[in-house]
PDB file of N, CA and C in Angstrom:
ATOM      1  N   GLN A   1      14.694  13.255   2.197  1.00  0.00           N
ATOM      2  CA  GLN A   1      13.617  12.681   1.040  1.00  0.00           C
ATOM      3  C   GLN A   1      13.787  11.433   0.974  1.00  0.00           C
ATOM      4  N   VAL A   2      12.859  10.738   0.866  1.00  0.00           N
ATOM      5  CA  VAL A   2      12.353   9.416   0.675  1.00  0.00           C
ATOM      6  C   VAL A   2      11.680   9.145  -0.758  1.00  0.00           C
ATOM      7  N   GLN A   3      12.339   8.016  -1.228  1.00  0.00           N
ATOM      8  CA  GLN A   3      11.878   7.808  -2.909  1.00  0.00           C
ATOM      9  C   GLN A   3      11.282   6.337  -2.575  1.00  0.00           C
ATOM     10  N   LEU A   4      10.067   6.359  -3.066  1.00  0.00           N
ATOM     11  CA  LEU A   4       9.290   4.916  -3.006  1.00  0.00           C
ATOM     12  C   LEU A   4       9.028   4.477  -4.499  1.00  0.00           C
ATOM     13  N   VAL A   5       9.067   3.276  -4.783  1.00  0.00           N
ATOM     14  CA  VAL A   5       8.866   2.587  -5.948  1.00  0.00           C
ATOM     15  C   VAL A   5       8.128   1.333  -5.514  1.00  0.00           C
ATOM     16  N   GLU A   6       6.768   1.414  -6.119  1.00  0.00           N
ATOM     17  CA  GLU A   6       5.960   0.112  -6.036  1.00  0.00           C
ATOM     18  C   GLU A   6       6.192  -0.806  -7.185  1.00  0.00           C
ATOM     19  N   SER A   7       6.100  -2.203  -6.959  1.00  0.00           N
ATOM     20  CA  SER A   7       5.797  -3.339  -7.890  1.00  0.00           C
ATOM     21  C   SER A   7       5.030  -4.378  -7.506  1.00  0.00           C
ATOM     22  N   GLY A   8       4.677  -5.237  -8.394  1.00  0.00           N
ATOM     23  CA  GLY A   8       4.205  -6.378  -8.030  1.00  0.00           C
ATOM     24  C   GLY A   8       2.674  -6.355  -8.495  1.00  0.00           C
ATOM     25  N   GLY A   9       2.063  -5.265  -9.364  1.00  0.00           N
ATOM     26  CA  GLY A   9       0.952  -5.335  -9.834  1.00  0.00           C
ATOM     27  C   GLY A   9       0.673  -6.252 -10.938  1.00  0.00           C
ATOM     28  N   GLY A  10      -0.350  -6.217 -11.383  1.00  0.00           N
ATOM     29  CA  GLY A  10      -0.591  -7.063 -12.861  1.00  0.00           C
ATOM     30  C   GLY A  10      -2.110  -7.420 -12.778  1.00  0.00           C
ATOM     31  N   LEU A  11      -2.243  -8.250 -13.681  1.00  0.00           N
ATOM     32  CA  LEU A  11      -3.446  -9.061 -13.776  1.00  0.00           C
ATOM     33  C   LEU A  11      -3.989 -10.074 -13.153  1.00  0.00           C
ATOM     34  N   ALA A  12      -5.077 -10.211 -12.531  1.00  0.00           N
ATOM     35  CA  ALA A  12      -5.396 -11.518 -11.581  1.00  0.00           C
ATOM     36  C   ALA A  12      -6.831 -11.754 -11.834  1.00  0.00           C
ATOM     37  N   GLN A  13      -7.469 -12.966 -11.554  1.00  0.00           N
ATOM     38  CA  GLN A  13      -8.990 -13.226 -11.683  1.00  0.00           C
ATOM     39  C   GLN A  13      -9.307 -13.112 -10.226  1.00  0.00           C
ATOM     40  N   ALA A  14     -10.568 -13.062 -10.167  1.00  0.00           N
ATOM     41  CA  ALA A  14     -11.275 -12.962  -8.759  1.00  0.00           C
ATOM     42  C   ALA A  14     -11.031 -14.180  -8.068  1.00  0.00           C
ATOM     43  N   GLY A  15     -10.755 -13.957  -6.802  1.00  0.00           N
ATOM     44  CA  GLY A  15     -10.170 -15.028  -5.971  1.00  0.00           C
ATOM     45  C   GLY A  15      -8.532 -15.274  -5.689  1.00  0.00           C
ATOM     46  N   ASP A  16      -7.793 -14.558  -6.731  1.00  0.00           N
ATOM     47  CA  ASP A  16      -6.239 -14.737  -6.838  1.00  0.00           C
ATOM     48  C   ASP A  16      -5.846 -13.949  -5.643  1.00  0.00           C
ATOM     49  N   SER A  17      -4.409 -14.096  -5.720  1.00  0.00           N
ATOM     50  CA  SER A  17      -3.811 -13.194  -4.684  1.00  0.00           C
ATOM     51  C   SER A  17      -2.656 -12.632  -5.476  1.00  0.00           C
ATOM     52  N   LEU A  18      -2.179 -11.380  -5.059  1.00  0.00           N
ATOM     53  CA  LEU A  18      -1.180 -10.638  -5.397  1.00  0.00           C
ATOM     54  C   LEU A  18      -0.274 -10.263  -4.164  1.00  0.00           C
ATOM     55  N   LYS A  19       0.907  -9.815  -4.451  1.00  0.00           N
ATOM     56  CA  LYS A  19       1.762  -9.435  -3.469  1.00  0.00           C
ATOM     57  C   LYS A  19       2.267  -8.094  -3.973  1.00  0.00           C
ATOM     58  N   LEU A  20       2.069  -6.889  -3.277  1.00  0.00           N
ATOM     59  CA  LEU A  20       2.735  -5.768  -3.896  1.00  0.00           C
ATOM     60  C   LEU A  20       3.892  -5.353  -2.880  1.00  0.00           C
ATOM     61  N   SER A  21       4.811  -4.622  -3.531  1.00  0.00           N
ATOM     62  CA  SER A  21       6.104  -4.350  -2.763  1.00  0.00           C
ATOM     63  C   SER A  21       6.215  -2.718  -2.947  1.00  0.00           C
ATOM     64  N   CYS A  22       6.883  -2.243  -1.943  1.00  0.00           N
ATOM     65  CA  CYS A  22       6.943  -0.686  -1.898  1.00  0.00           C
ATOM     66  C   CYS A  22       8.561  -0.649  -1.387  1.00  0.00           C
ATOM     67  N   ALA A  23       9.596  -0.380  -2.461  1.00  0.00           N
ATOM     68  CA  ALA A  23      10.865  -0.444  -1.949  1.00  0.00           C
ATOM     69  C   ALA A  23      11.207   1.252  -1.740  1.00  0.00           C
ATOM     70  N   ALA A  24      11.989   1.550  -0.704  1.00  0.00           N
ATOM     71  CA  ALA A  24      12.340   2.802  -0.425  1.00  0.00           C
ATOM     72  C   ALA A  24      13.717   3.181  -0.483  1.00  0.00           C
ATOM     73  N   SER A  25      14.231   4.359  -0.664  1.00  0.00           N
ATOM     74  CA  SER A  25      15.528   4.579  -0.713  1.00  0.00           C
ATOM     75  C   SER A  25      15.560   5.858  -0.139  1.00  0.00           C
ATOM     76  N   GLY A  26      16.897   6.464   0.445  1.00  0.00           N
ATOM     77  CA  GLY A  26      16.906   7.847   0.940  1.00  0.00           C
ATOM     78  C   GLY A  26      16.968   7.996   2.439  1.00  0.00           C
ATOM     79  N   ARG A  27      16.061   8.594   3.153  1.00  0.00           N
ATOM     80  CA  ARG A  27      16.322   8.975   4.471  1.00  0.00           C
ATOM     81  C   ARG A  27      15.848   7.722   5.276  1.00  0.00           C
ATOM     82  N   THR A  28      16.145   7.718   6.797  1.00  0.00           N
ATOM     83  CA  THR A  28      15.946   6.414   7.314  1.00  0.00           C
ATOM     84  C   THR A  28      14.461   6.047   7.170  1.00  0.00           C
ATOM     85  N   PHE A  29      14.235   5.196   6.334  1.00  0.00           N
ATOM     86  CA  PHE A  29      12.985   4.530   6.136  1.00  0.00           C
ATOM     87  C   PHE A  29      12.205   4.126   7.209  1.00  0.00           C
ATOM     88  N   SER A  30      13.210   3.184   7.912  1.00  0.00           N
ATOM     89  CA  SER A  30      12.459   2.568   9.282  1.00  0.00           C
ATOM     90  C   SER A  30      11.733   3.596  10.315  1.00  0.00           C
ATOM     91  N   ALA A  31      11.915   4.805  10.150  1.00  0.00           N
ATOM     92  CA  ALA A  31      11.391   5.528  11.182  1.00  0.00           C
ATOM     93  C   ALA A  31      10.093   6.053  10.688  1.00  0.00           C
ATOM     94  N   TYR A  32       9.655   5.831   9.464  1.00  0.00           N
ATOM     95  CA  TYR A  32       8.236   6.183   8.841  1.00  0.00           C
ATOM     96  C   TYR A  32       7.160   5.079   8.677  1.00  0.00           C
ATOM     97  N   THR A  33       6.002   5.576   9.147  1.00  0.00           N
ATOM     98  CA  THR A  33       4.719   4.863   8.828  1.00  0.00           C
ATOM     99  C   THR A  33       4.312   4.775   7.291  1.00  0.00           C
ATOM    100  N   VAL A  34       4.081   3.663   6.966  1.00  0.00           N
ATOM    101  CA  VAL A  34       3.762   3.630   5.464  1.00  0.00           C
ATOM    102  C   VAL A  34       2.560   2.990   5.100  1.00  0.00           C
ATOM    103  N   GLY A  35       1.887   3.893   4.380  1.00  0.00           N
ATOM    104  CA  GLY A  35       0.326   3.544   3.935  1.00  0.00           C
ATOM    105  C   GLY A  35       0.214   3.111   2.523  1.00  0.00           C
ATOM    106  N   TRP A  36      -0.854   2.445   2.480  1.00  0.00           N
ATOM    107  CA  TRP A  36      -1.240   2.030   1.054  1.00  0.00           C
ATOM    108  C   TRP A  36      -2.468   2.606   0.500  1.00  0.00           C
ATOM    109  N   PHE A  37      -2.606   3.167  -0.549  1.00  0.00           N
ATOM    110  CA  PHE A  37      -3.722   4.110  -1.046  1.00  0.00           C
ATOM    111  C   PHE A  37      -4.233   3.341  -2.383  1.00  0.00           C
ATOM    112  N   ARG A  38      -5.338   3.524  -2.660  1.00  0.00           N
ATOM    113  CA  ARG A  38      -5.514   3.082  -4.324  1.00  0.00           C
ATOM    114  C   ARG A  38      -6.630   4.034  -5.000  1.00  0.00           C
ATOM    115  N   GLN A  39      -6.695   3.996  -6.219  1.00  0.00           N
ATOM    116  CA  GLN A  39      -7.369   5.024  -6.999  1.00  0.00           C
ATOM    117  C   GLN A  39      -7.825   4.344  -8.239  1.00  0.00           C
ATOM    118  N   ALA A  40      -9.134   3.998  -8.297  1.00  0.00           N
ATOM    119  CA  ALA A  40      -9.835   3.532  -9.324  1.00  0.00           C
ATOM    120  C   ALA A  40     -10.326   4.703 -10.465  1.00  0.00           C
ATOM    121  N   PRO A  41     -10.245   4.418 -11.589  1.00  0.00           N
ATOM    122  CA  PRO A  41     -10.842   5.323 -12.646  1.00  0.00           C
ATOM    123  C   PRO A  41     -12.051   6.123 -12.093  1.00  0.00           C
ATOM    124  N   GLY A  42     -11.897   7.455 -12.231  1.00  0.00           N
ATOM    125  CA  GLY A  42     -13.134   8.227 -11.789  1.00  0.00           C
ATOM    126  C   GLY A  42     -13.363   8.468 -10.534  1.00  0.00           C
ATOM    127  N   ARG A  43     -12.582   7.843  -9.583  1.00  0.00           N
ATOM    128  CA  ARG A  43     -12.724   7.805  -8.054  1.00  0.00           C
ATOM    129  C   ARG A  43     -11.633   8.731  -7.427  1.00  0.00           C
ATOM    130  N   GLU A  44     -11.766   8.907  -6.047  1.00  0.00           N
ATOM    131  CA  GLU A  44     -10.851   9.629  -5.490  1.00  0.00           C
ATOM    132  C   GLU A  44     -10.053   8.643  -4.736  1.00  0.00           C
ATOM    133  N   ARG A  45      -8.499   8.904  -4.677  1.00  0.00           N
ATOM    134  CA  ARG A  45      -7.587   8.215  -3.882  1.00  0.00           C
ATOM    135  C   ARG A  45      -8.137   7.829  -2.607  1.00  0.00           C
ATOM    136  N   GLU A  46      -8.207   6.478  -2.117  1.00  0.00           N
ATOM    137  CA  GLU A  46      -8.681   6.052  -0.989  1.00  0.00           C
ATOM    138  C   GLU A  46      -7.797   5.394  -0.115  1.00  0.00           C
ATOM    139  N   PHE A  47      -7.668   5.386   1.065  1.00  0.00           N
ATOM    140  CA  PHE A  47      -6.849   4.481   2.155  1.00  0.00           C
ATOM    141  C   PHE A  47      -7.258   2.957   2.115  1.00  0.00           C
ATOM    142  N   VAL A  48      -6.147   2.451   1.999  1.00  0.00           N
ATOM    143  CA  VAL A  48      -6.181   0.731   2.174  1.00  0.00           C
ATOM    144  C   VAL A  48      -5.693   0.218   3.488  1.00  0.00           C
ATOM    145  N   ALA A  49      -4.514   0.674   3.587  1.00  0.00           N
ATOM    146  CA  ALA A  49      -3.829  -0.175   4.831  1.00  0.00           C
ATOM    147  C   ALA A  49      -2.619   1.028   5.277  1.00  0.00           C
ATOM    148  N   ARG A  50      -2.124   0.524   6.435  1.00  0.00           N
ATOM    149  CA  ARG A  50      -1.064   1.439   6.830  1.00  0.00           C
ATOM    150  C   ARG A  50      -0.146   0.522   7.932  1.00  0.00           C
ATOM    151  N   ILE A  51       0.906   0.778   7.955  1.00  0.00           N
ATOM    152  CA  ILE A  51       1.661  -0.189   9.089  1.00  0.00           C
ATOM    153  C   ILE A  51       2.827   0.982   9.676  1.00  0.00           C
ATOM    154  N   ASN A  52       2.820   0.884  10.878  1.00  0.00           N
ATOM    155  CA  ASN A  52       3.725   1.779  11.611  1.00  0.00           C
ATOM    156  C   ASN A  52       5.266   1.198  11.516  1.00  0.00           C
ATOM    157  N   TRP A  53       6.390   1.977  12.018  1.00  0.00           N
ATOM    158  CA  TRP A  53       7.612   1.774  11.738  1.00  0.00           C
ATOM    159  C   TRP A  53       8.094   0.206  12.341  1.00  0.00           C
ATOM    160  N   SER A  54       7.488  -0.075  13.419  1.00  0.00           N
ATOM    161  CA  SER A  54       8.005  -1.218  14.108  1.00  0.00           C
ATOM    162  C   SER A  54       7.140  -2.323  13.903  1.00  0.00           C
ATOM    163  N   SER A  55       5.992  -2.221  12.757  1.00  0.00           N
ATOM    164  CA  SER A  55       5.131  -3.485  12.606  1.00  0.00           C
ATOM    165  C   SER A  55       4.316  -3.704  13.843  1.00  0.00           C
ATOM    166  N   THR A  56       4.131  -2.885  14.734  1.00  0.00           N
ATOM    167  CA  THR A  56       3.419  -3.286  16.095  1.00  0.00           C
ATOM    168  C   THR A  56       2.049  -2.803  15.515  1.00  0.00           C
ATOM    169  N   ILE A  57       1.690  -1.908  14.684  1.00  0.00           N
ATOM    170  CA  ILE A  57       0.227  -1.450  14.579  1.00  0.00           C
ATOM    171  C   ILE A  57       0.023  -1.549  12.804  1.00  0.00           C
ATOM    172  N   THR A  58      -1.230  -1.981  12.624  1.00  0.00           N
ATOM    173  CA  THR A  58      -1.490  -2.105  11.376  1.00  0.00           C
ATOM    174  C   THR A  58      -2.933  -1.540  11.284  1.00  0.00           C
ATOM    175  N   SER A  59      -3.392  -0.974  10.193  1.00  0.00           N
ATOM    176  CA  SER A  59      -4.929  -0.469  10.172  1.00  0.00           C
ATOM    177  C   SER A  59      -5.311  -0.840   8.693  1.00  0.00           C
ATOM    178  N   TYR A  60      -6.566  -1.121   8.484  1.00  0.00           N
ATOM    179  CA  TYR A  60      -7.219  -1.383   7.115  1.00  0.00           C
ATOM    180  C   TYR A  60      -8.433  -0.877   6.965  1.00  0.00           C
ATOM    181  N   ALA A  61      -8.628  -0.706   5.714  1.00  0.00           N
ATOM    182  CA  ALA A  61      -9.948  -0.123   5.233  1.00  0.00           C
ATOM    183  C   ALA A  61     -10.937  -1.421   5.499  1.00  0.00           C
ATOM    184  N   ASP A  62     -12.269  -0.960   5.871  1.00  0.00           N
ATOM    185  CA  ASP A  62     -12.957  -2.050   5.932  1.00  0.00           C
ATOM    186  C   ASP A  62     -13.358  -3.031   4.829  1.00  0.00           C
ATOM    187  N   SER A  63     -13.068  -2.333   3.282  1.00  0.00           N
ATOM    188  CA  SER A  63     -13.357  -3.017   2.339  1.00  0.00           C
ATOM    189  C   SER A  63     -12.165  -4.148   2.094  1.00  0.00           C
ATOM    190  N   VAL A  64     -10.898  -4.091   2.666  1.00  0.00           N
ATOM    191  CA  VAL A  64      -9.986  -5.045   2.518  1.00  0.00           C
ATOM    192  C   VAL A  64      -9.584  -5.908   3.727  1.00  0.00           C
ATOM    193  N   LYS A  65     -10.285  -5.586   4.962  1.00  0.00           N
ATOM    194  CA  LYS A  65      -9.891  -6.223   6.304  1.00  0.00           C
ATOM    195  C   LYS A  65     -10.132  -7.568   5.849  1.00  0.00           C
ATOM    196  N   GLY A  66      -9.205  -8.260   6.398  1.00  0.00           N
ATOM    197  CA  GLY A  66      -9.525  -9.799   6.595  1.00  0.00           C
ATOM    198  C   GLY A  66      -8.809 -10.582   5.147  1.00  0.00           C
ATOM    199  N   ARG A  67      -8.721  -9.584   4.076  1.00  0.00           N
ATOM    200  CA  ARG A  67      -8.402 -10.038   2.819  1.00  0.00           C
ATOM    201  C   ARG A  67      -6.587  -9.556   2.694  1.00  0.00           C
ATOM    202  N   PHE A  68      -6.438  -8.393   2.948  1.00  0.00           N
ATOM    203  CA  PHE A  68      -5.295  -7.761   2.691  1.00  0.00           C
ATOM    204  C   PHE A  68      -4.277  -7.702   4.033  1.00  0.00           C
ATOM    205  N   THR A  69      -3.054  -7.898   4.000  1.00  0.00           N
ATOM    206  CA  THR A  69      -2.169  -7.755   5.071  1.00  0.00           C
ATOM    207  C   THR A  69      -0.803  -6.904   4.693  1.00  0.00           C
ATOM    208  N   ALA A  70      -0.526  -5.859   5.332  1.00  0.00           N
ATOM    209  CA  ALA A  70       0.728  -5.241   5.255  1.00  0.00           C
ATOM    210  C   ALA A  70       1.632  -5.585   6.165  1.00  0.00           C
ATOM    211  N   SER A  71       2.979  -5.706   5.600  1.00  0.00           N
ATOM    212  CA  SER A  71       4.042  -5.988   6.393  1.00  0.00           C
ATOM    213  C   SER A  71       5.137  -5.335   5.833  1.00  0.00           C
ATOM    214  N   ARG A  72       6.419  -5.389   6.681  1.00  0.00           N
ATOM    215  CA  ARG A  72       7.654  -4.698   6.226  1.00  0.00           C
ATOM    216  C   ARG A  72       8.726  -5.110   6.784  1.00  0.00           C
ATOM    217  N   ASP A  73       9.891  -5.224   5.985  1.00  0.00           N
ATOM    218  CA  ASP A  73      11.193  -5.629   6.232  1.00  0.00           C
ATOM    219  C   ASP A  73      12.143  -4.317   6.320  1.00  0.00           C
ATOM    220  N   ASN A  74      12.383  -3.698   7.365  1.00  0.00           N
ATOM    221  CA  ASN A  74      13.302  -2.434   7.430  1.00  0.00           C
ATOM    222  C   ASN A  74      14.658  -2.634   7.090  1.00  0.00           C
ATOM    223  N   ALA A  75      15.240  -3.972   7.157  1.00  0.00           N
ATOM    224  CA  ALA A  75      16.455  -4.330   6.686  1.00  0.00           C
ATOM    225  C   ALA A  75      16.341  -4.125   5.184  1.00  0.00           C
ATOM    226  N   LYS A  76      15.445  -4.491   4.622  1.00  0.00           N
ATOM    227  CA  LYS A  76      15.462  -4.487   3.163  1.00  0.00           C
ATOM    228  C   LYS A  76      14.695  -2.974   2.664  1.00  0.00           C
ATOM    229  N   SER A  77      14.492  -2.303   3.721  1.00  0.00           N
ATOM    230  CA  SER A  77      13.598  -0.946   3.331  1.00  0.00           C
ATOM    231  C   SER A  77      12.531  -1.251   2.338  1.00  0.00           C
ATOM    232  N   THR A  78      11.800  -2.121   2.743  1.00  0.00           N
ATOM    233  CA  THR A  78      10.595  -2.615   1.703  1.00  0.00           C
ATOM    234  C   THR A  78       9.409  -2.813   2.687  1.00  0.00           C
ATOM    235  N   VAL A  79       8.308  -2.427   2.224  1.00  0.00           N
ATOM    236  CA  VAL A  79       6.991  -2.629   2.646  1.00  0.00           C
ATOM    237  C   VAL A  79       6.019  -3.529   1.788  1.00  0.00           C
ATOM    238  N   TYR A  80       5.392  -4.381   2.271  1.00  0.00           N
ATOM    239  CA  TYR A  80       4.751  -5.261   1.517  1.00  0.00           C
ATOM    240  C   TYR A  80       2.973  -4.951   1.722  1.00  0.00           C
ATOM    241  N   LEU A  81       2.178  -5.585   0.591  1.00  0.00           N
ATOM    242  CA  LEU A  81       0.738  -5.532   0.832  1.00  0.00           C
ATOM    243  C   LEU A  81       0.271  -6.923  -0.012  1.00  0.00           C
ATOM    244  N   GLN A  82      -0.033  -7.937   1.091  1.00  0.00           N
ATOM    245  CA  GLN A  82      -0.385  -9.156   0.523  1.00  0.00           C
ATOM    246  C   GLN A  82      -1.890  -9.131   0.174  1.00  0.00           C
ATOM    247  N   MET A  83      -2.342  -9.325  -1.007  1.00  0.00           N
ATOM    248  CA  MET A  83      -3.812  -9.169  -1.167  1.00  0.00           C
ATOM    249  C   MET A  83      -4.427 -10.463  -1.661  1.00  0.00           C
ATOM    250  N   ASN A  84      -5.104 -11.093  -0.719  1.00  0.00           N
ATOM    251  CA  ASN A  84      -5.805 -12.348  -1.108  1.00  0.00           C
ATOM    252  C   ASN A  84      -7.360 -12.113  -1.395  1.00  0.00           C
ATOM    253  N   SER A  85      -7.803 -13.166  -1.862  1.00  0.00           N
ATOM    254  CA  SER A  85      -9.266 -13.305  -2.344  1.00  0.00           C
ATOM    255  C   SER A  85      -9.563 -11.858  -3.105  1.00  0.00           C
ATOM    256  N   LEU A  86      -8.950 -11.820  -4.047  1.00  0.00           N
ATOM    257  CA  LEU A  86      -9.109 -10.418  -4.855  1.00  0.00           C
ATOM    258  C   LEU A  86     -10.478 -10.299  -5.360  1.00  0.00           C
ATOM    259  N   LYS A  87     -11.034  -9.089  -5.590  1.00  0.00           N
ATOM    260  CA  LYS A  87     -12.215  -8.825  -6.195  1.00  0.00           C
ATOM    261  C   LYS A  87     -12.099  -7.768  -7.244  1.00  0.00           C
ATOM    262  N   PRO A  88     -13.169  -8.014  -8.163  1.00  0.00           N
ATOM    263  CA  PRO A  88     -12.981  -6.977  -9.264  1.00  0.00           C
ATOM    264  C   PRO A  88     -13.204  -5.539  -8.711  1.00  0.00           C
ATOM    265  N   GLU A  89     -13.635  -5.105  -7.683  1.00  0.00           N
ATOM    266  CA  GLU A  89     -13.566  -3.776  -7.072  1.00  0.00           C
ATOM    267  C   GLU A  89     -12.375  -3.494  -6.431  1.00  0.00           C
ATOM    268  N   ASP A  90     -11.532  -4.413  -6.508  1.00  0.00           N
ATOM    269  CA  ASP A  90      -9.993  -4.111  -6.166  1.00  0.00           C
ATOM    270  C   ASP A  90      -9.285  -3.387  -7.174  1.00  0.00           C
ATOM    271  N   THR A  91      -9.811  -3.508  -8.557  1.00  0.00           N
ATOM    272  CA  THR A  91      -9.178  -2.994  -9.625  1.00  0.00           C
ATOM    273  C   THR A  91      -8.804  -1.581  -9.443  1.00  0.00           C
ATOM    274  N   ALA A  92      -7.489  -1.008  -9.496  1.00  0.00           N
ATOM    275  CA  ALA A  92      -7.036   0.154  -9.217  1.00  0.00           C
ATOM    276  C   ALA A  92      -5.677   0.455  -9.319  1.00  0.00           C
ATOM    277  N   VAL A  93      -5.133   1.715  -9.402  1.00  0.00           N
ATOM    278  CA  VAL A  93      -3.616   2.020  -9.280  1.00  0.00           C
ATOM    279  C   VAL A  93      -3.444   2.032  -7.682  1.00  0.00           C
ATOM    280  N   TYR A  94      -2.466   1.244  -7.240  1.00  0.00           N
ATOM    281  CA  TYR A  94      -2.145   1.216  -5.852  1.00  0.00           C
ATOM    282  C   TYR A  94      -0.799   1.924  -5.468  1.00  0.00           C
ATOM    283  N   TYR A  95      -0.939   2.706  -4.665  1.00  0.00           N
ATOM    284  CA  TYR A  95       0.463   3.730  -4.248  1.00  0.00           C
ATOM    285  C   TYR A  95       0.720   3.202  -2.940  1.00  0.00           C
ATOM    286  N   CYS A  96       1.876   3.419  -2.408  1.00  0.00           N
ATOM    287  CA  CYS A  96       2.529   3.481  -1.282  1.00  0.00           C
ATOM    288  C   CYS A  96       3.022   4.824  -0.930  1.00  0.00           C
ATOM    289  N   ALA A  97       2.969   5.315   0.402  1.00  0.00           N
ATOM    290  CA  ALA A  97       3.115   6.317   0.831  1.00  0.00           C
ATOM    291  C   ALA A  97       3.753   6.371   2.265  1.00  0.00           C
ATOM    292  N   ALA A  98       4.604   7.444   2.573  1.00  0.00           N
ATOM    293  CA  ALA A  98       5.361   7.634   3.864  1.00  0.00           C
ATOM    294  C   ALA A  98       5.059   8.728   4.777  1.00  0.00           C
ATOM    295  N   THR A  99       5.207   8.679   5.934  1.00  0.00           N
ATOM    296  CA  THR A  99       4.931   9.630   6.827  1.00  0.00           C
ATOM    297  C   THR A  99       5.675   9.605   8.136  1.00  0.00           C
ATOM    298  N   SER A 100       6.038  10.911   8.640  1.00  0.00           N
ATOM    299  CA  SER A 100       6.629  10.594   9.853  1.00  0.00           C
ATOM    300  C   SER A 100       5.799  11.376  10.904  1.00  0.00           C
ATOM    301  N   ARG A 101       4.492  11.797  10.536  1.00  0.00           N
ATOM    302  CA  ARG A 101       3.584  12.526  11.304  1.00  0.00           C
ATOM    303  C   ARG A 101       2.468  11.571  11.908  1.00  0.00           C
ATOM    304  N   GLY A 102       1.539  12.024  12.575  1.00  0.00           N
ATOM    305  CA  GLY A 102       0.700  11.231  13.286  1.00  0.00           C
ATOM    306  C   GLY A 102      -0.360  10.616  12.675  1.00  0.00           C
ATOM    307  N   GLY A 103      -0.903  11.484  11.551  1.00  0.00           N
ATOM    308  CA  GLY A 103      -2.292  10.860  10.897  1.00  0.00           C
ATOM    309  C   GLY A 103      -1.540   9.806   9.891  1.00  0.00           C
ATOM    310  N   TYR A 104      -2.912   9.006   9.506  1.00  0.00           N
ATOM    311  CA  TYR A 104      -2.501   8.195   8.395  1.00  0.00           C
ATOM    312  C   TYR A 104      -3.681   7.861   7.541  1.00  0.00           C
ATOM    313  N   LEU A 105      -4.773   8.303   7.795  1.00  0.00           N
ATOM    314  CA  LEU A 105      -5.861   8.073   6.723  1.00  0.00           C
ATOM    315  C   LEU A 105      -6.236   8.872   5.405  1.00  0.00           C
ATOM    316  N   GLU A 106      -5.569  10.098   5.645  1.00  0.00           N
ATOM    317  CA  GLU A 106      -5.820  10.814   4.642  1.00  0.00           C
ATOM    318  C   GLU A 106      -4.696  11.208   3.605  1.00  0.00           C
ATOM    319  N   ARG A 107      -4.875  11.475   2.425  1.00  0.00           N
ATOM    320  CA  ARG A 107      -3.519  11.811   1.560  1.00  0.00           C
ATOM    321  C   ARG A 107      -2.742  12.875   2.153  1.00  0.00           C
ATOM    322  N   ARG A 108      -3.382  13.962   2.800  1.00  0.00           N
ATOM    323  CA  ARG A 108      -2.471  14.982   3.349  1.00  0.00           C
ATOM    324  C   ARG A 108      -1.656  14.523   4.364  1.00  0.00           C
ATOM    325  N   ASP A 109      -1.940  13.524   4.924  1.00  0.00           N
ATOM    326  CA  ASP A 109      -0.926  12.995   6.053  1.00  0.00           C
ATOM    327  C   ASP A 109       0.259  12.618   5.627  1.00  0.00           C
ATOM    328  N   TYR A 110       0.514  12.280   4.469  1.00  0.00           N
ATOM    329  CA  TYR A 110       1.972  11.680   3.594  1.00  0.00           C
ATOM    330  C   TYR A 110       2.591  12.739   3.059  1.00  0.00           C
ATOM    331  N   ASP A 111       3.944  12.530   3.313  1.00  0.00           N
ATOM    332  CA  ASP A 111       4.912  13.343   2.608  1.00  0.00           C
ATOM    333  C   ASP A 111       5.306  12.854   1.326  1.00  0.00           C
ATOM    334  N   TYR A 112       5.465  11.656   1.264  1.00  0.00           N
ATOM    335  CA  TYR A 112       6.150  11.012   0.283  1.00  0.00           C
ATOM    336  C   TYR A 112       5.328   9.839  -0.792  1.00  0.00           C
ATOM    337  N   TRP A 113       5.415   9.900  -1.854  1.00  0.00           N
ATOM    338  CA  TRP A 113       4.485   8.944  -2.688  1.00  0.00           C
ATOM    339  C   TRP A 113       5.198   8.512  -3.756  1.00  0.00           C
ATOM    340  N   GLY A 114       4.808   7.100  -3.959  1.00  0.00           N
ATOM    341  CA  GLY A 114       5.443   6.342  -5.239  1.00  0.00           C
ATOM    342  C   GLY A 114       4.536   6.758  -6.419  1.00  0.00           C
ATOM    343  N   GLN A 115       5.072   6.103  -7.448  1.00  0.00           N
ATOM    344  CA  GLN A 115       4.182   6.337  -8.651  1.00  0.00           C
ATOM    345  C   GLN A 115       2.885   5.389  -8.917  1.00  0.00           C
ATOM    346  N   GLY A 116       2.996   4.374  -8.261  1.00  0.00           N
ATOM    347  CA  GLY A 116       1.752   3.387  -8.353  1.00  0.00           C
ATOM    348  C   GLY A 116       2.118   2.373  -9.132  1.00  0.00           C
ATOM    349  N   THR A 117       1.281   1.293  -8.872  1.00  0.00           N
ATOM    350  CA  THR A 117       1.493  -0.012  -9.508  1.00  0.00           C
ATOM    351  C   THR A 117      -0.042  -0.383  -9.990  1.00  0.00           C
ATOM    352  N   GLN A 118      -0.416  -0.706 -11.290  1.00  0.00           N
ATOM    353  CA  GLN A 118      -1.936  -1.109 -11.506  1.00  0.00           C
ATOM    354  C   GLN A 118      -2.204  -2.420 -11.132  1.00  0.00           C
ATOM    355  N   VAL A 119      -3.386  -2.703 -10.630  1.00  0.00           N
ATOM    356  CA  VAL A 119      -3.807  -3.868 -10.338  1.00  0.00           C
ATOM    357  C   VAL A 119      -5.146  -4.220 -10.960  1.00  0.00           C
ATOM    358  N   THR A 120      -5.202  -5.195 -11.679  1.00  0.00           N
ATOM    359  CA  THR A 120      -6.636  -5.415 -12.602  1.00  0.00           C
ATOM    360  C   THR A 120      -7.066  -6.646 -12.070  1.00  0.00           C
ATOM    361  N   VAL A 121      -8.391  -6.676 -11.655  1.00  0.00           N
ATOM    362  CA  VAL A 121      -8.961  -8.071 -11.385  1.00  0.00           C
ATOM    363  C   VAL A 121     -10.168  -8.195 -12.213  1.00  0.00           C
ATOM    364  N   SER A 122     -10.077  -9.424 -12.894  1.00  0.00           N
ATOM    365  CA  SER A 122     -11.173  -9.789 -13.674  1.00  0.00           C
ATOM    366  C   SER A 122     -11.991 -10.824 -12.859  1.00  0.00           C
ATOM    367  N   SER A 123     -13.580 -10.818 -13.406  1.00  0.00           N
ATOM    368  CA  SER A 123     -14.538 -11.660 -12.669  1.00  0.00           C
ATOM    369  C   SER A 123     -14.529 -12.983 -13.421  1.00  0.00           C
TER     370      SER A 123
END
């Protein structure tokens, strides 16, 4: 089992930056790919970013590419999502998730999920 806890969400204005954290406990966290997803009211949960266990591979949704950066510190069992140039359309609950399997784009690819942290961006 892996337990995930997100933090760092809050209120921001368009153009601001926020840094989300995803703290893990339990099994060997460093072996897992970690993904970030978000879900806005009335919408499906969507893929945002992912980072593999060694930080050598990252992937981003087109909507956040160039603005968001995923990173991780395995010694601290923590993954981060640096969000710059925030837009009102980034408003959502953000979730981190972990997987030891090959896929990363779909919710079903992940075995463990955090409870989410709210990010609200005003114009």
